[in-house]
Structure formats: C-alpha cells, structure tokens
Protein backbone atom coordinates (compact mmCIF):
# COMPACT_ATOMS: atom_id res chain seq x y z
CA UNK A 1 110.79 109.21 108.74
CA UNK A 2 110.31 108.50 105.18
CA UNK A 3 112.49 108.04 101.65
CA UNK A 4 111.38 110.61 99.16
CA UNK A 5 111.98 110.62 95.81
CA UNK A 6 111.48 114.43 94.27
CA UNK A 7 110.98 114.85 90.64
CA UNK A 8 111.01 118.40 89.22
CA UNK A 9 112.93 120.29 86.71
CA UNK A 10 113.07 123.27 88.51
CA UNK A 11 116.10 123.70 90.59
CA UNK A 12 114.40 126.38 92.96
CA UNK A 13 112.05 123.92 93.56
CA UNK A 14 114.00 121.25 94.04
CA UNK A 15 116.13 123.46 96.63
CA UNK A 16 113.25 124.47 98.72
CA UNK A 17 111.39 120.94 98.73
CA UNK A 18 114.63 119.66 99.64
CA UNK A 19 114.80 121.71 103.09
CA UNK A 20 111.45 122.02 103.78
CA UNK A 21 111.45 118.26 103.55
CA UNK A 22 114.40 117.09 105.65
CA UNK A 23 113.62 119.94 108.48
CA UNK A 24 110.65 117.17 108.91
CA UNK A 25 113.50 114.16 109.05
CA UNK A 26 112.57 112.98 105.97
CA UNK A 27 115.16 112.11 103.63
CA UNK A 28 114.59 113.31 99.93
CA UNK A 29 116.99 112.57 96.82
CA UNK A 30 116.13 114.80 93.76
CA UNK A 31 116.12 113.92 89.92
CA UNK A 32 115.03 116.47 87.14
CA UNK A 33 113.65 114.17 84.59
CA UNK A 34 111.72 111.09 83.95
CA UNK A 35 114.41 108.98 82.62
CA UNK A 36 116.17 109.38 86.13
CA UNK A 37 113.26 109.13 87.84
CA UNK A 38 112.55 105.47 86.78
CA UNK A 39 115.96 104.42 87.20
CA UNK A 40 116.13 105.39 90.48
CA UNK A 41 113.45 103.63 91.33
CA UNK A 42 114.47 100.32 89.94
CA UNK A 43 118.05 100.71 91.87
CA UNK A 44 116.66 102.15 95.41
CA UNK A 45 113.61 101.74 97.25
CA UNK A 46 111.60 104.87 98.39
CA UNK A 47 108.50 105.23 100.59
CA UNK A 48 107.19 108.20 98.25
CA UNK A 49 107.33 109.77 95.04
CA UNK A 50 106.55 113.47 94.66
CA UNK A 51 106.46 114.18 90.82
CA UNK A 52 105.93 116.83 88.77
CA UNK A 53 103.86 116.91 85.46
CA UNK A 54 105.81 119.36 83.06
CA UNK A 55 109.04 117.29 82.88
CA UNK A 56 111.82 118.01 80.17
CA UNK A 57 111.89 114.42 78.58
CA UNK A 58 108.60 113.25 79.18
CA UNK A 59 104.67 113.54 80.44
CA UNK A 60 104.36 113.19 84.10
CA UNK A 61 101.00 111.33 83.49
CA UNK A 62 103.33 108.66 81.36
CA UNK A 63 105.69 108.39 83.91
CA UNK A 64 103.11 107.41 86.50
CA UNK A 65 101.64 104.87 84.21
CA UNK A 66 105.26 103.23 83.49
CA UNK A 67 105.83 103.15 87.49
CA UNK A 68 102.31 101.73 87.95
CA UNK A 69 103.61 98.79 85.84
CA UNK A 70 106.02 97.53 88.28
CA UNK A 71 105.48 99.62 91.56
CA UNK A 72 102.68 100.12 93.91
CA UNK A 73 104.79 102.92 95.81
CA UNK A 74 102.48 106.40 96.68
CA UNK A 75 102.56 108.52 94.09
CA UNK A 76 101.92 112.71 95.07
CA UNK A 77 101.23 114.67 92.12
CA UNK A 78 103.06 118.39 92.75
CA UNK A 79 102.17 120.31 89.43
CA UNK A 80 101.26 123.91 88.49
CA UNK A 81 98.50 122.78 85.99
CA UNK A 82 94.97 123.78 87.90
CA UNK A 83 92.98 121.62 85.17
CA UNK A 84 90.26 119.38 86.37
CA UNK A 85 90.89 117.24 83.64
CA UNK A 86 94.81 117.08 84.30
CA UNK A 87 93.97 116.22 87.48
CA UNK A 88 91.73 113.64 86.50
CA UNK A 89 94.14 112.14 84.23
CA UNK A 90 96.78 111.98 86.53
CA UNK A 91 94.62 110.22 89.09
CA UNK A 92 92.76 107.84 86.68
CA UNK A 93 96.11 106.50 85.84
CA UNK A 94 97.69 105.84 89.31
CA UNK A 95 98.71 109.26 90.92
CA UNK A 96 97.36 108.48 94.81
CA UNK A 97 97.18 112.59 95.15
CA UNK A 98 97.45 115.96 93.56
CA UNK A 99 98.82 118.97 95.00
CA UNK A 100 99.03 122.43 92.70
CA UNK A 101 101.46 125.00 93.00
CA UNK A 102 101.92 127.01 94.98
CA UNK A 103 101.47 125.36 98.29
CA UNK A 104 102.15 125.19 101.70
CA UNK A 105 104.45 123.00 103.54
CA UNK A 106 102.22 122.10 106.12
CA UNK A 107 99.59 120.60 104.03
CA UNK A 108 102.13 119.21 102.08
CA UNK A 109 103.54 117.01 104.92
CA UNK A 110 99.77 116.04 105.93
CA UNK A 111 99.50 114.57 102.73
CA UNK A 112 102.69 112.93 102.35
CA UNK A 113 101.44 111.33 105.83
CA UNK A 114 98.15 110.25 104.74
CA UNK A 115 99.70 108.62 101.99
CA UNK A 116 102.50 106.88 103.78
CA UNK A 117 99.77 105.37 106.02
CA UNK A 118 97.65 104.21 103.71
CA UNK A 119 100.32 102.36 101.61
CA UNK A 120 101.00 100.71 105.32
CA UNK A 121 97.47 99.63 105.47
CA UNK A 122 97.56 98.39 102.17
CA UNK A 123 100.65 96.57 102.46
CA UNK A 124 99.10 94.97 105.67
CA UNK A 125 96.24 93.60 104.01
CA UNK A 126 98.26 92.20 101.55
CA UNK A 127 100.22 90.30 104.27
CA UNK A 128 96.99 89.42 105.97
CA UNK A 129 95.74 88.01 102.92
CA UNK A 130 99.20 85.56 102.67
CA UNK A 131 98.65 84.65 105.99
CA UNK A 132 95.06 83.15 105.60
CA UNK A 133 96.16 81.57 102.61
CA UNK A 134 99.06 79.81 104.52
CA UNK A 135 96.92 79.38 108.00
CA UNK A 136 96.88 75.42 106.76
CA UNK A 137 100.61 74.93 105.73
CA UNK A 138 103.58 74.87 107.45
CA UNK A 139 104.69 78.47 108.47
CA UNK A 140 108.12 78.14 108.10
CA UNK A 141 110.41 77.84 105.35
CA UNK A 142 114.35 77.01 106.16
CA UNK A 143 116.51 77.52 102.88
CA UNK A 144 120.25 77.63 103.54
CA UNK A 145 120.81 80.81 105.65
CA UNK A 146 117.22 81.73 105.05
CA UNK A 147 114.21 81.57 107.54
CA UNK A 148 110.68 82.64 106.08
CA UNK A 149 107.93 82.55 108.34
CA UNK A 150 104.70 82.91 106.50
CA UNK A 151 102.45 83.72 109.28
CA UNK A 152 103.92 86.43 110.35
CA UNK A 153 105.82 87.31 107.46
CA UNK A 154 109.37 88.10 108.21
CA UNK A 155 112.32 86.67 106.48
CA UNK A 156 116.03 86.62 108.43
CA UNK A 157 119.22 86.12 106.47
CA UNK A 158 122.18 84.83 108.41
CA UNK A 159 120.05 85.78 111.33
CA UNK A 160 119.43 89.04 110.06
CA UNK A 161 116.12 90.12 109.64
CA UNK A 162 115.13 91.57 106.13
CA UNK A 163 113.17 94.46 105.45
CA UNK A 164 110.69 93.16 102.72
CA UNK A 165 107.87 94.57 100.87
CA UNK A 166 104.83 92.46 100.58
CA UNK A 167 105.84 91.31 96.59
CA UNK A 168 109.80 90.74 97.61
CA UNK A 169 108.33 88.44 100.21
CA UNK A 170 106.40 86.66 97.90
CA UNK A 171 109.17 86.18 95.36
CA UNK A 172 111.50 85.02 97.68
CA UNK A 173 108.90 82.67 99.43
CA UNK A 174 108.41 80.89 95.76
CA UNK A 175 111.79 81.03 95.03
CA UNK A 176 112.73 79.34 98.63
CA UNK A 177 109.78 76.57 98.08
CA UNK A 178 111.36 75.72 94.67
CA UNK A 179 114.89 76.12 95.90
CA UNK A 180 118.07 75.00 93.27
CA UNK A 181 115.17 74.85 91.03
CA UNK A 182 114.74 77.10 87.86
CA UNK A 183 111.62 78.93 88.24
CA UNK A 184 110.23 80.94 84.79
CA UNK A 185 109.84 84.05 84.48
CA UNK A 186 106.18 83.32 83.86
CA UNK A 187 105.56 80.68 86.77
CA UNK A 188 106.92 83.84 89.10
CA UNK A 189 104.80 86.85 87.79
CA UNK A 190 101.90 84.24 87.96
CA UNK A 191 102.73 83.50 91.61
CA UNK A 192 103.19 87.14 92.58
CA UNK A 193 101.36 89.06 90.49
CA UNK A 194 98.68 86.99 89.17
CA UNK A 195 97.60 85.89 85.26
CA UNK A 196 97.70 89.18 84.08
CA UNK A 197 101.20 89.89 84.44
CA UNK A 198 102.55 86.89 82.02
CA UNK A 199 104.63 88.88 80.05
CA UNK A 200 105.71 91.91 82.34
CA UNK A 201 109.50 90.44 83.31
CA UNK A 202 110.40 94.25 83.59
CA UNK A 203 108.55 93.74 87.14
CA UNK A 204 110.30 91.10 88.12
CA UNK A 205 114.16 92.51 87.29
CA UNK A 206 113.97 95.24 89.11
CA UNK A 207 112.60 93.40 92.35
CA UNK A 208 115.03 90.50 91.96
CA UNK A 209 117.51 93.76 91.84
CA UNK A 210 116.08 95.05 95.22
CA UNK A 211 116.05 91.56 96.90
CA UNK A 212 119.60 91.15 95.77
CA UNK A 213 120.96 94.71 97.65
CA UNK A 214 118.88 93.61 100.68
CA UNK A 215 120.96 90.14 100.86
CA UNK A 216 124.39 91.49 99.45
CA UNK A 217 124.43 89.87 96.51
CA UNK A 218 125.54 92.15 93.83
CA UNK A 219 126.74 89.55 91.70
CA UNK A 220 123.68 87.33 91.47
CA UNK A 221 125.15 84.07 93.14
CA UNK A 222 122.66 83.52 95.27
CA UNK A 223 119.48 84.83 93.28
CA UNK A 224 120.69 83.20 89.98
CA UNK A 225 119.44 84.60 86.92
CA UNK A 226 118.98 81.90 84.10
CA UNK A 227 119.14 84.69 80.94
CA UNK A 228 115.73 84.11 78.91
CA UNK A 229 114.20 81.46 81.22
CA UNK A 230 113.91 82.54 85.00
CA UNK A 231 115.66 82.60 88.31
CA UNK A 232 116.55 80.23 90.87
CA UNK A 233 117.47 80.54 94.52
CA UNK A 234 120.41 78.58 95.62
CA UNK A 235 121.56 79.57 98.95
CA UNK A 236 124.34 77.07 98.77
C-alpha cells in the first residue's frame, strides 16, 4: 500500500512496527539513526517517513529540517516526548504529524492514510498548476526515446510509462526541452524550485540520482553530469 521509511533506535519498536505495518500491506524499510535515514532518502523513493526524535547521532528535528531542504515527503514524528513545545518545534520545522508513544496501530494507520492522501493531493495540485501554465504550449515533447506530455503530466521512456513525482517530471521536461545542451545547476533549480533555491545543488543531485534509477542510467550516459556546472540530457 505504501513504501515507508521507519527511523528509530529502539529495536523492539522497529520489530513491532514492521510487523504491524506489514500486516496492512505496507513495505517497510528500517534504519536506526539520522545519517542512515538521509542516505536512504537520497538513494530510494518512499511514500512516507515515520521518525523518532530521540536518535543516537542527531536531534530528530534537525533531521526533519535537512529532509525539507530537498524533499516534501510526508513526515510523521513518533516520539515519547509529550511536551507541547517539542511538538510545536517539530511541526513548525516541517513535520506533517506527531504521534506520542504509546500509540495504537489503528490510529497510526489512520494517520498514515491521511498523510498519504494529503501528499497525493499536493502532487495533484502541482500537476494542475503545471498543466495550466502549459495549456497554450505544445503539450508533447519528443526527445530520443523520451516522450513527455506536459498536459497530462506523463512521461514514457522506450514506451514504458515512468512513475515520476512533480519535481522529477519538471526536471526531465526542462532538460528534454534543452536536450544536448548543458543546463547549469542554477538554471534547473530556478526552473523547478524557484529563485530562492539557486544554490541548493544537493536537492538537484538527489533528484537526478532518482531519475537515473528510473531509466536504468546508473552510469550517467543519458542524464550526463558536467562537474561543477550542471546536467544535460543526451538521449542518443
């Protein structure tokens, strides 16, 4: 039902949650510290993160802040801390929900369903906005084996439909529109994230990595890197 990244340093909690969530047909990946959490996010796609605040290597709120620099994935904080100030701090810094321990699996599953639905609605809103901005333009971009429909927000590669997030699609569409040309980090960041993200090249690195995985381009022959400069799409 959902791919969940579970972050907690308590092995018993990890075991119990993995059993409980797997019984609801969720796919669960577990890690025990903040650094492993960030590493997993940079190399894999998840639908939701369940995050404990009391991690051995970092404060959970700091992890939330770091995630929000490059990803808008739903974050559900699961913590033993009942202090209102801690809850407010986590929510103000990017967490989407906060559940205190002990908790019931029925409630947790309800929160998960709600967050995934809200995230889906956010993605749909981004798609609608893109469709609106592109309604007067040619809606199809053909670039080698890529075919992108900007009106229906769909992309295929070698005839296979790609499962892309809104930002992944925008990056691929921008590079396809400028294929074989080097697009600088700042150009892509401005196009996809906006002016205020001109120097956040780490965001871009993560999304390029994900795109390469989805088109089986682990060597970067199609989505090519130009170190210190930017990226180019070379479909041939």
